N, C-alpha and C. Protein backbone atom coordinates (compact mmCIF):
# COMPACT_ATOMS: atom_id res chain seq x y z
N MET A 1 110.87 106.30 111.24
CA MET A 1 111.22 104.81 110.95
C MET A 1 109.98 103.55 111.36
N SER A 2 110.46 103.11 110.25
CA SER A 2 109.38 101.96 110.87
C SER A 2 110.12 100.88 112.11
N GLU A 3 109.18 99.95 112.26
CA GLU A 3 109.24 98.94 113.37
C GLU A 3 110.12 98.29 113.46
N GLN A 4 110.64 97.58 112.05
CA GLN A 4 111.85 96.70 111.64
C GLN A 4 113.47 97.76 112.17
N ALA A 5 113.89 97.14 112.36
CA ALA A 5 115.09 97.92 112.72
C ALA A 5 115.65 98.10 111.00
N MET A 6 116.45 99.53 111.38
CA MET A 6 117.29 99.10 109.78
C MET A 6 118.63 99.15 109.90
N HIS A 7 119.40 98.24 109.22
CA HIS A 7 120.40 97.50 109.52
C HIS A 7 121.14 98.66 108.58
N THR A 8 122.61 98.83 108.85
CA THR A 8 123.97 99.32 108.23
C THR A 8 124.46 98.17 107.57
N ALA A 9 124.92 98.30 106.12
CA ALA A 9 125.33 97.48 105.35
C ALA A 9 126.11 97.52 104.32
N ILE A 10 126.39 96.32 103.45
CA ILE A 10 126.97 96.68 102.29
C ILE A 10 126.62 95.63 101.87
N GLY A 11 125.78 96.08 100.13
CA GLY A 11 125.53 95.08 99.70
C GLY A 11 126.30 95.15 98.31
N LEU A 12 126.44 93.64 97.79
CA LEU A 12 127.54 93.44 96.47
C LEU A 12 126.71 92.77 95.62
N GLU A 13 126.79 92.85 94.22
CA GLU A 13 126.20 91.85 93.30
C GLU A 13 127.23 91.89 92.97
N LEU A 14 127.83 90.68 92.42
CA LEU A 14 128.83 89.69 91.49
C LEU A 14 127.98 89.57 90.55
N VAL A 15 128.73 89.72 89.18
CA VAL A 15 128.22 89.82 87.77
C VAL A 15 129.66 89.29 87.12
N PHE A 16 129.37 88.02 86.27
CA PHE A 16 130.20 87.21 85.86
C PHE A 16 129.92 87.16 84.23
N GLY A 17 130.02 88.02 82.85
CA GLY A 17 130.24 87.89 81.78
C GLY A 17 128.69 87.43 81.36
N PRO A 18 128.10 87.06 80.13
CA PRO A 18 126.53 87.04 79.53
C PRO A 18 126.26 85.91 80.44
N PHE A 19 126.14 85.03 81.07
CA PHE A 19 125.66 83.76 81.96
C PHE A 19 125.26 84.19 83.48
N HIS A 20 125.67 85.71 84.24
CA HIS A 20 125.74 86.01 85.08
C HIS A 20 124.22 85.17 85.82
N ARG A 21 122.73 85.31 85.12
CA ARG A 21 122.37 84.94 85.37
C ARG A 21 121.70 84.03 85.59
N SER A 22 122.40 82.48 84.94
CA SER A 22 122.41 81.56 85.46
C SER A 22 122.44 80.89 85.89
N PRO A 23 121.22 80.38 86.66
CA PRO A 23 121.89 79.58 88.52
C PRO A 23 122.22 78.14 87.80
N VAL A 24 122.71 78.12 87.08
CA VAL A 24 123.54 77.25 86.63
C VAL A 24 125.21 76.50 86.18
N LEU A 25 124.77 78.06 85.31
CA LEU A 25 126.30 78.55 85.27
C LEU A 25 127.15 79.21 86.00
N SER A 26 125.99 79.70 87.06
CA SER A 26 126.90 80.85 88.06
C SER A 26 127.34 79.67 89.25
N THR A 27 126.63 79.14 89.84
CA THR A 27 126.52 77.62 90.91
C THR A 27 127.04 76.63 89.99
N SER A 28 127.21 75.48 89.33
CA SER A 28 127.55 74.55 89.24
C SER A 28 128.79 74.51 89.38
N PRO A 29 129.65 73.41 90.14
CA PRO A 29 131.09 73.21 89.98
C PRO A 29 131.86 73.17 88.79
N TRP A 30 130.64 72.28 87.35
CA TRP A 30 131.16 72.32 86.28
C TRP A 30 132.12 73.49 85.48
N PHE A 31 131.13 74.77 85.93
CA PHE A 31 131.74 75.96 85.69
C PHE A 31 132.30 76.74 86.36
N ARG A 32 132.51 76.57 87.24
CA ARG A 32 133.10 77.42 88.38
C ARG A 32 134.73 76.86 88.30
N PHE A 33 135.51 77.35 87.88
CA PHE A 33 137.09 77.00 87.98
C PHE A 33 137.88 77.55 89.18
N TYR A 34 137.09 78.66 89.97
CA TYR A 34 137.96 79.92 89.97
C TYR A 34 136.62 79.99 92.18
N ASN A 35 137.32 80.35 92.79
CA ASN A 35 136.48 80.77 94.17
C ASN A 35 136.46 82.43 93.88
N THR A 36 135.38 83.07 94.25
CA THR A 36 135.56 84.42 94.28
C THR A 36 135.26 85.00 96.02
N TRP A 37 136.24 85.90 96.13
CA TRP A 37 136.24 86.43 97.34
C TRP A 37 135.82 87.89 97.33
N ILE A 38 135.35 88.26 98.70
CA ILE A 38 134.88 89.40 99.26
C ILE A 38 135.69 89.77 100.33
N GLU A 39 136.71 90.64 100.41
CA GLU A 39 136.89 91.34 101.62
C GLU A 39 137.10 92.90 101.77
N ILE A 40 136.68 92.63 103.04
CA ILE A 40 135.92 94.02 103.81
C ILE A 40 136.58 93.98 105.20
N ASP A 41 137.30 95.84 105.13
CA ASP A 41 138.38 95.42 106.03
C ASP A 41 139.41 94.66 106.09
N GLY A 42 139.85 93.66 105.36
CA GLY A 42 140.85 92.96 105.81
C GLY A 42 140.13 91.32 106.14
N VAL A 43 139.16 91.43 106.01
CA VAL A 43 138.20 89.76 106.48
C VAL A 43 137.46 89.13 105.29
N ARG A 44 137.93 87.87 104.80
CA ARG A 44 137.73 87.51 103.73
C ARG A 44 135.98 86.70 103.99
N HIS A 45 135.81 86.81 102.72
CA HIS A 45 134.08 85.86 102.56
C HIS A 45 134.28 85.61 100.97
N GLU A 46 134.45 84.00 101.24
CA GLU A 46 134.13 83.71 100.03
C GLU A 46 132.24 83.29 99.44
N ARG A 47 132.34 83.63 98.09
CA ARG A 47 130.45 83.54 97.96
C ARG A 47 130.55 83.44 96.24
N GLU A 48 129.36 82.83 96.11
CA GLU A 48 129.21 82.52 94.43
C GLU A 48 128.83 83.69 93.79
N GLY A 49 128.92 83.97 92.34
CA GLY A 49 128.29 84.99 91.77
C GLY A 49 127.20 84.67 91.14
N GLY A 50 126.10 85.74 90.78
CA GLY A 50 125.14 85.91 90.19
C GLY A 50 123.43 86.30 90.80
N SER A 51 124.02 86.90 92.17
CA SER A 51 123.20 87.19 93.16
C SER A 51 124.38 88.55 94.23
N TRP A 52 122.86 88.97 94.89
CA TRP A 52 123.27 89.88 95.70
C TRP A 52 123.79 89.38 97.12
N HIS A 53 124.68 89.45 98.07
CA HIS A 53 125.53 89.21 98.89
C HIS A 53 125.31 90.97 100.20
N VAL A 54 124.95 90.38 100.87
CA VAL A 54 124.57 91.54 102.21
C VAL A 54 126.06 91.15 103.34
N PHE A 55 126.25 92.22 103.54
CA PHE A 55 127.43 92.22 104.79
C PHE A 55 126.71 93.17 105.61
N GLU A 56 126.75 93.25 107.18
CA GLU A 56 126.24 94.26 108.25
C GLU A 56 127.92 94.77 108.63
N VAL A 57 127.53 95.79 108.76
CA VAL A 57 128.83 96.49 108.89
C VAL A 57 128.64 97.71 109.98
N THR A 58 129.69 98.59 110.30
CA THR A 58 129.63 99.67 111.49
C THR A 58 129.45 100.33 110.54
N PRO A 59 128.90 102.15 111.31
CA PRO A 59 128.60 103.31 110.18
C PRO A 59 129.97 103.41 109.77
N GLY A 60 130.28 103.74 108.57
CA GLY A 60 131.70 104.40 108.79
C GLY A 60 132.62 104.56 106.87
N TRP A 61 133.80 104.45 107.02
CA TRP A 61 134.50 104.18 106.14
C TRP A 61 135.19 102.40 105.86
N HIS A 62 134.88 102.10 104.53
CA HIS A 62 134.83 100.37 104.25
C HIS A 62 135.86 100.35 103.05
N LEU A 63 137.05 99.61 103.44
CA LEU A 63 137.90 99.05 102.23
C LEU A 63 137.12 97.59 101.76
N VAL A 64 136.47 97.57 100.62
CA VAL A 64 136.09 96.74 99.98
C VAL A 64 137.23 96.09 98.72
N ARG A 65 136.99 94.99 98.85
CA ARG A 65 137.76 94.17 97.65
C ARG A 65 137.18 93.20 97.56
N VAL A 66 137.58 92.70 95.90
CA VAL A 66 136.78 91.46 95.40
C VAL A 66 138.02 90.72 94.79
N PHE A 67 138.33 89.43 94.19
CA PHE A 67 139.27 89.05 93.63
C PHE A 67 138.34 87.40 93.55
N PHE A 68 139.62 87.12 92.25
CA PHE A 68 139.21 85.42 92.15
C PHE A 68 140.67 84.66 92.75
N ARG A 69 140.23 83.25 92.81
CA ARG A 69 141.32 82.41 93.08
C ARG A 69 140.93 81.29 92.76
N TYR A 70 142.17 80.94 91.76
CA TYR A 70 141.56 79.17 90.89
C TYR A 70 141.64 78.03 92.55
N ARG A 71 140.98 77.49 91.51
CA ARG A 71 140.98 76.07 92.33
C ARG A 71 141.73 74.60 92.25
N PRO A 72 142.17 73.99 92.76
CA PRO A 72 142.45 74.17 93.71
C PRO A 72 143.51 74.91 93.93
N TRP A 73 144.03 75.35 95.22
CA TRP A 73 145.03 76.75 95.35
C TRP A 73 146.11 76.68 95.30
N ILE A 74 146.53 75.65 93.92
CA ILE A 74 147.94 74.94 93.44
C ILE A 74 148.93 76.91 93.59
N PHE A 75 147.94 78.12 92.80
CA PHE A 75 148.56 79.04 92.71
C PHE A 75 147.75 80.18 93.49
N PRO A 76 147.99 80.46 94.96
CA PRO A 76 147.28 81.28 95.53
C PRO A 76 147.48 82.74 95.15
N ILE A 77 147.36 82.76 93.88
CA ILE A 77 147.49 84.90 93.46
C ILE A 77 146.31 84.94 92.91
N ASP A 78 145.70 86.50 93.06
CA ASP A 78 144.83 87.42 93.38
C ASP A 78 144.31 87.90 92.12
N LEU A 79 143.59 87.45 91.25
CA LEU A 79 143.13 87.86 89.88
C LEU A 79 142.07 88.51 90.05
N ALA A 80 141.88 89.70 88.70
CA ALA A 80 140.82 90.49 88.77
C ALA A 80 140.68 91.21 90.06
N SER A 81 141.37 91.72 90.68
CA SER A 81 141.19 92.16 92.17
C SER A 81 140.54 94.10 91.86
N GLN A 82 139.72 93.99 92.41
CA GLN A 82 139.28 94.86 92.43
C GLN A 82 138.96 95.60 93.71
N GLN A 83 139.40 97.18 94.15
CA GLN A 83 138.80 97.75 95.46
C GLN A 83 138.11 98.96 95.11
N ALA A 84 137.32 99.28 96.68
CA ALA A 84 136.68 100.22 96.57
C ALA A 84 136.70 101.03 98.14
N GLN A 85 137.06 102.39 98.32
CA GLN A 85 136.38 102.71 99.56
C GLN A 85 135.53 103.28 99.56
N ILE A 86 134.51 102.86 100.43
CA ILE A 86 133.69 103.45 100.45
C ILE A 86 132.77 103.86 101.88
N GLU A 87 131.63 104.59 102.39
CA GLU A 87 131.12 105.36 103.09
C GLU A 87 130.03 104.42 103.13
N VAL A 88 129.66 104.14 104.84
CA VAL A 88 128.12 103.82 104.96
C VAL A 88 127.88 104.16 105.93
N HIS A 89 126.43 104.97 105.96
CA HIS A 89 125.63 105.60 106.55
C HIS A 89 124.83 104.62 107.91
N PRO A 90 124.60 105.34 108.94
CA PRO A 90 123.79 104.44 109.78
C PRO A 90 122.50 104.38 109.18
N GLY A 91 122.08 102.93 109.40
CA GLY A 91 120.68 102.81 109.00
C GLY A 91 120.70 102.64 107.56
N GLN A 92 121.89 102.86 106.50
CA GLN A 92 121.66 102.57 104.76
C GLN A 92 122.64 101.10 104.76
N MET A 93 122.09 101.11 103.48
CA MET A 93 123.04 99.85 102.73
C MET A 93 124.16 100.87 101.44
N ALA A 94 124.64 100.81 101.59
CA ALA A 94 125.87 101.19 100.34
C ALA A 94 126.00 99.56 99.61
N ARG A 95 125.79 100.17 98.13
CA ARG A 95 125.29 99.10 97.15
C ARG A 95 126.62 99.38 96.02
N LEU A 96 127.26 98.17 95.97
CA LEU A 96 128.38 98.29 95.06
C LEU A 96 128.12 96.88 93.92
N LYS A 97 128.80 96.97 92.81
CA LYS A 97 128.56 95.87 91.89
C LYS A 97 130.07 95.40 90.97
N TYR A 98 130.38 94.55 91.29
CA TYR A 98 131.65 93.57 91.00
C TYR A 98 131.56 92.84 89.65
N GLU A 99 131.52 93.59 88.42
CA GLU A 99 131.72 92.70 87.28
C GLU A 99 132.61 91.77 86.50
N GLY A 100 132.78 90.66 86.63
CA GLY A 100 134.52 89.81 85.67
C GLY A 100 133.83 89.23 84.93
N SER A 101 134.96 88.39 84.25
CA SER A 101 134.97 87.84 82.83
C SER A 101 134.50 86.54 83.30
N ALA A 102 133.37 86.11 82.74
CA ALA A 102 132.73 84.55 83.19
C ALA A 102 133.84 83.66 83.18
N LEU A 103 134.47 83.29 82.03
CA LEU A 103 135.51 82.09 81.86
C LEU A 103 136.70 82.57 82.29
N TRP A 104 137.62 83.90 82.31
CA TRP A 104 138.87 84.15 82.25
C TRP A 104 139.20 85.37 83.19
N PRO A 105 138.95 85.01 84.64
CA PRO A 105 138.91 86.48 85.33
C PRO A 105 140.33 87.12 84.97
N MET A 106 141.56 86.89 84.44
CA MET A 106 142.44 87.82 84.11
C MET A 106 142.18 88.58 82.75
N LEU A 107 140.97 88.76 82.29
CA LEU A 107 140.35 90.01 81.63
C LEU A 107 140.89 91.15 81.71
N GLY A 108 140.23 91.20 83.31
CA GLY A 108 139.78 92.39 84.14
C GLY A 108 138.57 92.19 84.70
N ALA A 109 138.32 93.61 85.62
CA ALA A 109 136.45 93.27 86.08
C ALA A 109 136.72 94.61 86.27
N SER A 110 135.34 95.16 86.99
CA SER A 110 135.20 96.73 87.36
C SER A 110 134.68 96.40 88.82
N LEU A 111 135.14 97.25 89.99
CA LEU A 111 134.11 97.63 90.97
C LEU A 111 133.34 98.97 91.00
N VAL A 112 132.13 99.24 91.01
CA VAL A 112 131.36 100.35 90.89
C VAL A 112 130.36 100.60 92.23
N GLN A 113 130.39 101.88 92.67
CA GLN A 113 129.17 101.96 93.97
C GLN A 113 127.92 102.30 93.09
N LEU A 114 127.00 101.87 93.27
CA LEU A 114 125.81 102.16 92.67
C LEU A 114 125.35 103.28 93.49
N ASP A 115 124.29 104.01 93.65
CA ASP A 115 123.57 104.83 93.68
C ASP A 115 122.49 104.33 94.48
N PRO A 116 121.53 104.74 95.01
CA PRO A 116 120.42 104.09 95.76
C PRO A 116 119.01 103.51 94.99
N SER A 117 119.14 103.87 93.94
CA SER A 117 118.30 103.27 93.16
C SER A 117 118.69 102.10 92.40
N GLY A 118 120.23 101.91 92.96
CA GLY A 118 120.36 100.49 91.67
C GLY A 118 121.06 100.80 90.72
N ARG A 119 121.23 102.18 90.25
CA ARG A 119 122.17 102.56 88.65
C ARG A 119 123.48 102.77 88.87
């Protein structure tokens, strides 16, 4: 083991449509009509798309859910909700990828666990 302490974590990549690599389109308030939420074991975190997000967790099983909410929260409806039950081993990072529609989240989404190589 290296001198740097290994962390137990969940890594999640949020991908939205063909423009997900564009920082202008993924973070601009003009193109973000909805909020993206990541829920881990019932605790919600709001995050922007187009990048990786890492959450430190304890080893064991965790329920991860990702969904959209339009802003402002006039209609508090969870859209394109996907969830996965994953096991995180001590000192390892479980990697997930959420792919959703960039402009219309009701078109559906997918949440898959990646192998350690990122595939």
